[in-house]
Amino acid sequence: MSERNGREPKEEEVSLPHLIRIEAVAEHLGVSVRHVRRLVQERRIPYLKWGHFVMFNPAELAPWLEQFRRPDGGDQRWA
């Protein structure tokens, strides 16, 4: 038994993610909050809904953004 709080330590402690708000996501992506809300409504961005709060896990947003990366085309310009 743990001396600090009188309970057994768990084998695996759960680490909770640091969630961010929609305003921070919009600022980071360089888009409006309205645009991020539309992505949420269309379920095109990973999010968590807790009551009326819409929150985002940065660890889920990074792979989501990676799927939109285009391979380097050298000297080719956008048409």
PDB file of N, CA and C in Angstrom:
ATOM      1  N   MET A   1       0.837  -1.188   0.000  1.00  0.00           N
ATOM      2  CA  MET A   1       0.000   0.000   0.000  1.00  0.00           C
ATOM      3  C   MET A   1       0.873   1.240   0.000  1.00  0.00           C
ATOM      4  N   SER A   2       0.445   2.236  -0.701  1.00  0.00           N
ATOM      5  CA  SER A   2       1.194   3.475  -0.782  1.00  0.00           C
ATOM      6  C   SER A   2       1.105   4.214   0.545  1.00  0.00           C
ATOM      7  N   GLU A   3       2.228   4.787   0.964  1.00  0.00           N
ATOM      8  CA  GLU A   3       2.246   5.515   2.227  1.00  0.00           C
ATOM      9  C   GLU A   3       1.573   6.871   2.112  1.00  0.00           C
ATOM     10  N   ARG A   4       1.562   7.444   0.919  1.00  0.00           N
ATOM     11  CA  ARG A   4       1.038   8.798   0.743  1.00  0.00           C
ATOM     12  C   ARG A   4      -0.466   8.890   0.914  1.00  0.00           C
ATOM     13  N   ASN A   5      -1.224   8.063   0.183  1.00  0.00           N
ATOM     14  CA  ASN A   5      -2.666   8.237   0.198  1.00  0.00           C
ATOM     15  C   ASN A   5      -3.416   6.997   0.651  1.00  0.00           C
ATOM     16  N   GLY A   6      -2.727   5.958   1.061  1.00  0.00           N
ATOM     17  CA  GLY A   6      -3.384   4.786   1.601  1.00  0.00           C
ATOM     18  C   GLY A   6      -4.017   3.879   0.558  1.00  0.00           C
ATOM     19  N   ARG A   7      -3.668   4.031  -0.697  1.00  0.00           N
ATOM     20  CA  ARG A   7      -4.221   3.150  -1.725  1.00  0.00           C
ATOM     21  C   ARG A   7      -3.092   2.501  -2.498  1.00  0.00           C
ATOM     22  N   GLU A   8      -3.419   1.394  -3.125  1.00  0.00           N
ATOM     23  CA  GLU A   8      -2.438   0.676  -3.930  1.00  0.00           C
ATOM     24  C   GLU A   8      -2.112   1.468  -5.188  1.00  0.00           C
ATOM     25  N   PRO A   9      -0.854   1.573  -5.576  1.00  0.00           N
ATOM     26  CA  PRO A   9      -0.535   2.248  -6.849  1.00  0.00           C
ATOM     27  C   PRO A   9      -0.991   1.371  -8.008  1.00  0.00           C
ATOM     28  N   LYS A  10      -1.511   1.992  -9.026  1.00  0.00           N
ATOM     29  CA  LYS A  10      -1.951   1.263 -10.214  1.00  0.00           C
ATOM     30  C   LYS A  10      -0.730   0.851 -11.019  1.00  0.00           C
ATOM     31  N   GLU A  11      -0.856  -0.286 -11.721  1.00  0.00           N
ATOM     32  CA  GLU A  11       0.253  -0.737 -12.557  1.00  0.00           C
ATOM     33  C   GLU A  11       0.526   0.269 -13.660  1.00  0.00           C
ATOM     34  N   GLU A  12      -0.541   0.758 -14.311  1.00  0.00           N
ATOM     35  CA  GLU A  12      -0.400   1.750 -15.372  1.00  0.00           C
ATOM     36  C   GLU A  12      -1.209   2.981 -15.000  1.00  0.00           C
ATOM     37  N   GLU A  13      -0.531   4.070 -14.755  1.00  0.00           N
ATOM     38  CA  GLU A  13      -1.228   5.314 -14.479  1.00  0.00           C
ATOM     39  C   GLU A  13      -1.717   5.897 -15.804  1.00  0.00           C
ATOM     40  N   VAL A  14      -2.933   6.356 -15.823  1.00  0.00           N
ATOM     41  CA  VAL A  14      -3.510   6.932 -17.037  1.00  0.00           C
ATOM     42  C   VAL A  14      -3.045   8.369 -17.164  1.00  0.00           C
ATOM     43  N   SER A  15      -2.542   8.686 -18.348  1.00  0.00           N
ATOM     44  CA  SER A  15      -2.103  10.043 -18.619  1.00  0.00           C
ATOM     45  C   SER A  15      -3.178  10.738 -19.447  1.00  0.00           C
ATOM     46  N   LEU A  16      -3.741  11.789 -18.907  1.00  0.00           N
ATOM     47  CA  LEU A  16      -4.781  12.526 -19.620  1.00  0.00           C
ATOM     48  C   LEU A  16      -4.154  13.499 -20.605  1.00  0.00           C
ATOM     49  N   PRO A  17      -4.755  13.616 -21.790  1.00  0.00           N
ATOM     50  CA  PRO A  17      -4.202  14.549 -22.777  1.00  0.00           C
ATOM     51  C   PRO A  17      -4.494  15.989 -22.389  1.00  0.00           C
ATOM     52  N   HIS A  18      -3.629  16.872 -22.815  1.00  0.00           N
ATOM     53  CA  HIS A  18      -3.852  18.304 -22.637  1.00  0.00           C
ATOM     54  C   HIS A  18      -4.724  18.753 -23.805  1.00  0.00           C
ATOM     55  N   LEU A  19      -5.961  19.105 -23.533  1.00  0.00           N
ATOM     56  CA  LEU A  19      -6.896  19.484 -24.584  1.00  0.00           C
ATOM     57  C   LEU A  19      -6.841  20.982 -24.831  1.00  0.00           C
ATOM     58  N   ILE A  20      -7.084  21.364 -26.080  1.00  0.00           N
ATOM     59  CA  ILE A  20      -7.085  22.778 -26.421  1.00  0.00           C
ATOM     60  C   ILE A  20      -8.442  23.176 -26.986  1.00  0.00           C
ATOM     61  N   ARG A  21      -8.741  24.451 -26.883  1.00  0.00           N
ATOM     62  CA  ARG A  21     -10.028  24.977 -27.331  1.00  0.00           C
ATOM     63  C   ARG A  21     -10.013  25.306 -28.816  1.00  0.00           C
ATOM     64  N   ILE A  22     -11.192  25.516 -29.339  1.00  0.00           N
ATOM     65  CA  ILE A  22     -11.374  25.759 -30.766  1.00  0.00           C
ATOM     66  C   ILE A  22     -10.645  27.026 -31.229  1.00  0.00           C
ATOM     67  N   GLU A  23     -10.574  28.040 -30.373  1.00  0.00           N
ATOM     68  CA  GLU A  23      -9.886  29.285 -30.734  1.00  0.00           C
ATOM     69  C   GLU A  23      -8.398  29.040 -30.965  1.00  0.00           C
ATOM     70  N   ALA A  24      -7.795  28.190 -30.127  1.00  0.00           N
ATOM     71  CA  ALA A  24      -6.368  27.892 -30.273  1.00  0.00           C
ATOM     72  C   ALA A  24      -6.107  27.092 -31.549  1.00  0.00           C
ATOM     73  N   VAL A  25      -7.011  26.174 -31.885  1.00  0.00           N
ATOM     74  CA  VAL A  25      -6.860  25.394 -33.119  1.00  0.00           C
ATOM     75  C   VAL A  25      -6.950  26.317 -34.325  1.00  0.00           C
ATOM     76  N   ALA A  26      -7.946  27.196 -34.330  1.00  0.00           N
ATOM     77  CA  ALA A  26      -8.129  28.131 -35.443  1.00  0.00           C
ATOM     78  C   ALA A  26      -6.895  29.013 -35.609  1.00  0.00           C
ATOM     79  N   GLU A  27      -6.377  29.529 -34.513  1.00  0.00           N
ATOM     80  CA  GLU A  27      -5.196  30.392 -34.589  1.00  0.00           C
ATOM     81  C   GLU A  27      -3.992  29.623 -35.118  1.00  0.00           C
ATOM     82  N   HIS A  28      -3.805  28.413 -34.635  1.00  0.00           N
ATOM     83  CA  HIS A  28      -2.669  27.600 -35.067  1.00  0.00           C
ATOM     84  C   HIS A  28      -2.751  27.260 -36.554  1.00  0.00           C
ATOM     85  N   LEU A  29      -3.956  26.969 -37.042  1.00  0.00           N
ATOM     86  CA  LEU A  29      -4.136  26.621 -38.448  1.00  0.00           C
ATOM     87  C   LEU A  29      -4.199  27.843 -39.359  1.00  0.00           C
ATOM     88  N   GLY A  30      -4.376  29.022 -38.757  1.00  0.00           N
ATOM     89  CA  GLY A  30      -4.466  30.240 -39.548  1.00  0.00           C
ATOM     90  C   GLY A  30      -5.801  30.388 -40.255  1.00  0.00           C
ATOM     91  N   VAL A  31      -6.858  29.878 -39.617  1.00  0.00           N
ATOM     92  CA  VAL A  31      -8.206  29.972 -40.178  1.00  0.00           C
ATOM     93  C   VAL A  31      -9.133  30.558 -39.118  1.00  0.00           C
ATOM     94  N   SER A  32     -10.370  30.815 -39.512  1.00  0.00           N
ATOM     95  CA  SER A  32     -11.332  31.372 -38.564  1.00  0.00           C
ATOM     96  C   SER A  32     -11.925  30.270 -37.683  1.00  0.00           C
ATOM     97  N   VAL A  33     -12.442  30.676 -36.547  1.00  0.00           N
ATOM     98  CA  VAL A  33     -13.145  29.750 -35.654  1.00  0.00           C
ATOM     99  C   VAL A  33     -14.332  29.150 -36.398  1.00  0.00           C
ATOM    100  N   ARG A  34     -14.980  29.970 -37.208  1.00  0.00           N
ATOM    101  CA  ARG A  34     -16.130  29.493 -37.978  1.00  0.00           C
ATOM    102  C   ARG A  34     -15.738  28.331 -38.899  1.00  0.00           C
ATOM    103  N   HIS A  35     -14.555  28.442 -39.511  1.00  0.00           N
ATOM    104  CA  HIS A  35     -14.087  27.362 -40.390  1.00  0.00           C
ATOM    105  C   HIS A  35     -13.862  26.074 -39.599  1.00  0.00           C
ATOM    106  N   VAL A  36     -13.252  26.185 -38.429  1.00  0.00           N
ATOM    107  CA  VAL A  36     -13.011  24.996 -37.599  1.00  0.00           C
ATOM    108  C   VAL A  36     -14.350  24.402 -37.156  1.00  0.00           C
ATOM    109  N   ARG A  37     -15.315  25.241 -36.811  1.00  0.00           N
ATOM    110  CA  ARG A  37     -16.650  24.732 -36.448  1.00  0.00           C
ATOM    111  C   ARG A  37     -17.279  23.968 -37.612  1.00  0.00           C
ATOM    112  N   ARG A  38     -17.065  24.447 -38.829  1.00  0.00           N
ATOM    113  CA  ARG A  38     -17.593  23.748 -39.996  1.00  0.00           C
ATOM    114  C   ARG A  38     -16.904  22.386 -40.152  1.00  0.00           C
ATOM    115  N   LEU A  39     -15.584  22.331 -39.935  1.00  0.00           N
ATOM    116  CA  LEU A  39     -14.870  21.056 -39.996  1.00  0.00           C
ATOM    117  C   LEU A  39     -15.415  20.077 -38.955  1.00  0.00           C
ATOM    118  N   VAL A  40     -15.734  20.590 -37.772  1.00  0.00           N
ATOM    119  CA  VAL A  40     -16.314  19.753 -36.717  1.00  0.00           C
ATOM    120  C   VAL A  40     -17.688  19.254 -37.149  1.00  0.00           C
ATOM    121  N   GLN A  41     -18.511  20.156 -37.640  1.00  0.00           N
ATOM    122  CA  GLN A  41     -19.866  19.792 -38.057  1.00  0.00           C
ATOM    123  C   GLN A  41     -19.841  18.713 -39.136  1.00  0.00           C
ATOM    124  N   GLU A  42     -18.887  18.814 -40.061  1.00  0.00           N
ATOM    125  CA  GLU A  42     -18.757  17.843 -41.146  1.00  0.00           C
ATOM    126  C   GLU A  42     -17.936  16.623 -40.728  1.00  0.00           C
ATOM    127  N   ARG A  43     -17.505  16.597 -39.466  1.00  0.00           N
ATOM    128  CA  ARG A  43     -16.690  15.507 -38.903  1.00  0.00           C
ATOM    129  C   ARG A  43     -15.431  15.254 -39.731  1.00  0.00           C
ATOM    130  N   ARG A  44     -14.781  16.346 -40.127  1.00  0.00           N
ATOM    131  CA  ARG A  44     -13.563  16.260 -40.937  1.00  0.00           C
ATOM    132  C   ARG A  44     -12.304  16.499 -40.119  1.00  0.00           C
ATOM    133  N   ILE A  45     -12.453  16.764 -38.826  1.00  0.00           N
ATOM    134  CA  ILE A  45     -11.321  17.018 -37.937  1.00  0.00           C
ATOM    135  C   ILE A  45     -11.568  16.230 -36.651  1.00  0.00           C
ATOM    136  N   PRO A  46     -10.520  15.622 -36.068  1.00  0.00           N
ATOM    137  CA  PRO A  46     -10.727  14.886 -34.816  1.00  0.00           C
ATOM    138  C   PRO A  46     -11.001  15.846 -33.659  1.00  0.00           C
ATOM    139  N   TYR A  47     -12.049  15.568 -32.902  1.00  0.00           N
ATOM    140  CA  TYR A  47     -12.424  16.427 -31.779  1.00  0.00           C
ATOM    141  C   TYR A  47     -13.090  15.602 -30.698  1.00  0.00           C
ATOM    142  N   LEU A  48     -13.229  16.218 -29.523  1.00  0.00           N
ATOM    143  CA  LEU A  48     -13.954  15.618 -28.404  1.00  0.00           C
ATOM    144  C   LEU A  48     -15.064  16.575 -28.008  1.00  0.00           C
ATOM    145  N   LYS A  49     -16.197  16.033 -27.699  1.00  0.00           N
ATOM    146  CA  LYS A  49     -17.315  16.874 -27.268  1.00  0.00           C
ATOM    147  C   LYS A  49     -17.630  16.496 -25.833  1.00  0.00           C
ATOM    148  N   TRP A  50     -17.619  17.486 -24.977  1.00  0.00           N
ATOM    149  CA  TRP A  50     -17.897  17.279 -23.567  1.00  0.00           C
ATOM    150  C   TRP A  50     -18.937  18.315 -23.175  1.00  0.00           C
ATOM    151  N   GLY A  51     -20.189  17.881 -23.053  1.00  0.00           N
ATOM    152  CA  GLY A  51     -21.264  18.831 -22.834  1.00  0.00           C
ATOM    153  C   GLY A  51     -21.391  19.713 -24.050  1.00  0.00           C
ATOM    154  N   HIS A  52     -21.355  21.005 -23.851  1.00  0.00           N
ATOM    155  CA  HIS A  52     -21.394  21.915 -25.000  1.00  0.00           C
ATOM    156  C   HIS A  52     -20.007  22.381 -25.433  1.00  0.00           C
ATOM    157  N   PHE A  53     -18.965  21.846 -24.796  1.00  0.00           N
ATOM    158  CA  PHE A  53     -17.592  22.203 -25.148  1.00  0.00           C
ATOM    159  C   PHE A  53     -17.079  21.314 -26.277  1.00  0.00           C
ATOM    160  N   VAL A  54     -16.396  21.915 -27.229  1.00  0.00           N
ATOM    161  CA  VAL A  54     -15.701  21.184 -28.286  1.00  0.00           C
ATOM    162  C   VAL A  54     -14.220  21.387 -28.027  1.00  0.00           C
ATOM    163  N   MET A  55     -13.510  20.286 -27.787  1.00  0.00           N
ATOM    164  CA  MET A  55     -12.093  20.348 -27.442  1.00  0.00           C
ATOM    165  C   MET A  55     -11.300  19.477 -28.417  1.00  0.00           C
ATOM    166  N   PHE A  56      -9.994  19.737 -28.476  1.00  0.00           N
ATOM    167  CA  PHE A  56      -9.132  19.051 -29.426  1.00  0.00           C
ATOM    168  C   PHE A  56      -7.888  18.541 -28.719  1.00  0.00           C
ATOM    169  N   ASN A  57      -7.460  17.343 -29.105  1.00  0.00           N
ATOM    170  CA  ASN A  57      -6.236  16.756 -28.581  1.00  0.00           C
ATOM    171  C   ASN A  57      -5.133  17.004 -29.617  1.00  0.00           C
ATOM    172  N   PRO A  58      -4.115  17.792 -29.285  1.00  0.00           N
ATOM    173  CA  PRO A  58      -3.045  18.078 -30.249  1.00  0.00           C
ATOM    174  C   PRO A  58      -2.374  16.816 -30.798  1.00  0.00           C
ATOM    175  N   ALA A  59      -2.324  15.750 -29.994  1.00  0.00           N
ATOM    176  CA  ALA A  59      -1.717  14.497 -30.454  1.00  0.00           C
ATOM    177  C   ALA A  59      -2.535  13.861 -31.574  1.00  0.00           C
ATOM    178  N   GLU A  60      -3.827  14.155 -31.641  1.00  0.00           N
ATOM    179  CA  GLU A  60      -4.662  13.643 -32.729  1.00  0.00           C
ATOM    180  C   GLU A  60      -4.650  14.583 -33.930  1.00  0.00           C
ATOM    181  N   LEU A  61      -4.408  15.857 -33.684  1.00  0.00           N
ATOM    182  CA  LEU A  61      -4.395  16.820 -34.787  1.00  0.00           C
ATOM    183  C   LEU A  61      -3.155  16.685 -35.660  1.00  0.00           C
ATOM    184  N   ALA A  62      -2.013  16.332 -35.061  1.00  0.00           N
ATOM    185  CA  ALA A  62      -0.770  16.217 -35.837  1.00  0.00           C
ATOM    186  C   ALA A  62      -0.886  15.179 -36.953  1.00  0.00           C
ATOM    187  N   PRO A  63      -1.334  13.944 -36.683  1.00  0.00           N
ATOM    188  CA  PRO A  63      -1.479  12.981 -37.784  1.00  0.00           C
ATOM    189  C   PRO A  63      -2.572  13.389 -38.777  1.00  0.00           C
ATOM    190  N   TRP A  64      -3.600  14.049 -38.288  1.00  0.00           N
ATOM    191  CA  TRP A  64      -4.663  14.525 -39.172  1.00  0.00           C
ATOM    192  C   TRP A  64      -4.087  15.521 -40.187  1.00  0.00           C
ATOM    193  N   LEU A  65      -3.243  16.425 -39.712  1.00  0.00           N
ATOM    194  CA  LEU A  65      -2.618  17.392 -40.614  1.00  0.00           C
ATOM    195  C   LEU A  65      -1.660  16.721 -41.594  1.00  0.00           C
ATOM    196  N   GLU A  66      -0.945  15.698 -41.141  1.00  0.00           N
ATOM    197  CA  GLU A  66       0.028  15.011 -41.993  1.00  0.00           C
ATOM    198  C   GLU A  66      -0.622  14.399 -43.226  1.00  0.00           C
ATOM    199  N   GLN A  67      -1.876  13.979 -43.108  1.00  0.00           N
ATOM    200  CA  GLN A  67      -2.521  13.328 -44.252  1.00  0.00           C
ATOM    201  C   GLN A  67      -2.716  14.297 -45.424  1.00  0.00           C
ATOM    202  N   PHE A  68      -2.626  15.593 -45.168  1.00  0.00           N
ATOM    203  CA  PHE A  68      -2.807  16.584 -46.222  1.00  0.00           C
ATOM    204  C   PHE A  68      -1.486  17.043 -46.840  1.00  0.00           C
ATOM    205  N   ARG A  69      -0.375  16.546 -46.312  1.00  0.00           N
ATOM    206  CA  ARG A  69       0.943  16.944 -46.825  1.00  0.00           C
ATOM    207  C   ARG A  69       1.124  16.399 -48.238  1.00  0.00           C
ATOM    208  N   ARG A  70       1.610  17.233 -49.123  1.00  0.00           N
ATOM    209  CA  ARG A  70       1.889  16.844 -50.500  1.00  0.00           C
ATOM    210  C   ARG A  70       3.387  16.627 -50.650  1.00  0.00           C
ATOM    211  N   PRO A  71       3.772  15.638 -51.453  1.00  0.00           N
ATOM    212  CA  PRO A  71       5.212  15.405 -51.640  1.00  0.00           C
ATOM    213  C   PRO A  71       5.856  16.598 -52.338  1.00  0.00           C
ATOM    214  N   ASP A  72       7.127  16.800 -52.045  1.00  0.00           N
ATOM    215  CA  ASP A  72       7.871  17.900 -52.645  1.00  0.00           C
ATOM    216  C   ASP A  72       7.966  17.672 -54.145  1.00  0.00           C
ATOM    217  N   GLY A  73       7.551  18.670 -54.909  1.00  0.00           N
ATOM    218  CA  GLY A  73       7.552  18.547 -56.367  1.00  0.00           C
ATOM    219  C   GLY A  73       8.722  19.244 -57.025  1.00  0.00           C
ATOM    220  N   GLY A  74       9.733  19.603 -56.258  1.00  0.00           N
ATOM    221  CA  GLY A  74      10.898  20.298 -56.848  1.00  0.00           C
ATOM    222  C   GLY A  74      10.552  21.709 -57.225  1.00  0.00           C
ATOM    223  N   ASP A  75      10.817  22.073 -58.494  1.00  0.00           N
ATOM    224  CA  ASP A  75      10.587  23.439 -58.961  1.00  0.00           C
ATOM    225  C   ASP A  75       9.189  23.680 -59.502  1.00  0.00           C
ATOM    226  N   GLN A  76       8.329  22.702 -59.422  1.00  0.00           N
ATOM    227  CA  GLN A  76       6.982  22.867 -59.955  1.00  0.00           C
ATOM    228  C   GLN A  76       6.240  23.923 -59.147  1.00  0.00           C
ATOM    229  N   ARG A  77       5.495  24.740 -59.848  1.00  0.00           N
ATOM    230  CA  ARG A  77       4.698  25.778 -59.216  1.00  0.00           C
ATOM    231  C   ARG A  77       3.244  25.361 -59.173  1.00  0.00           C
ATOM    232  N   TRP A  78       2.517  25.924 -58.235  1.00  0.00           N
ATOM    233  CA  TRP A  78       1.087  25.650 -58.164  1.00  0.00           C
ATOM    234  C   TRP A  78       0.432  26.228 -59.407  1.00  0.00           C
ATOM    235  N   ALA A  79      -0.494  25.490 -59.975  1.00  0.00           N
ATOM    236  CA  ALA A  79      -1.189  25.941 -61.190  1.00  0.00           C
ATOM    237  C   ALA A  79      -2.274  26.913 -60.843  1.00  0.00           C
TER     238      ALA A  79
END
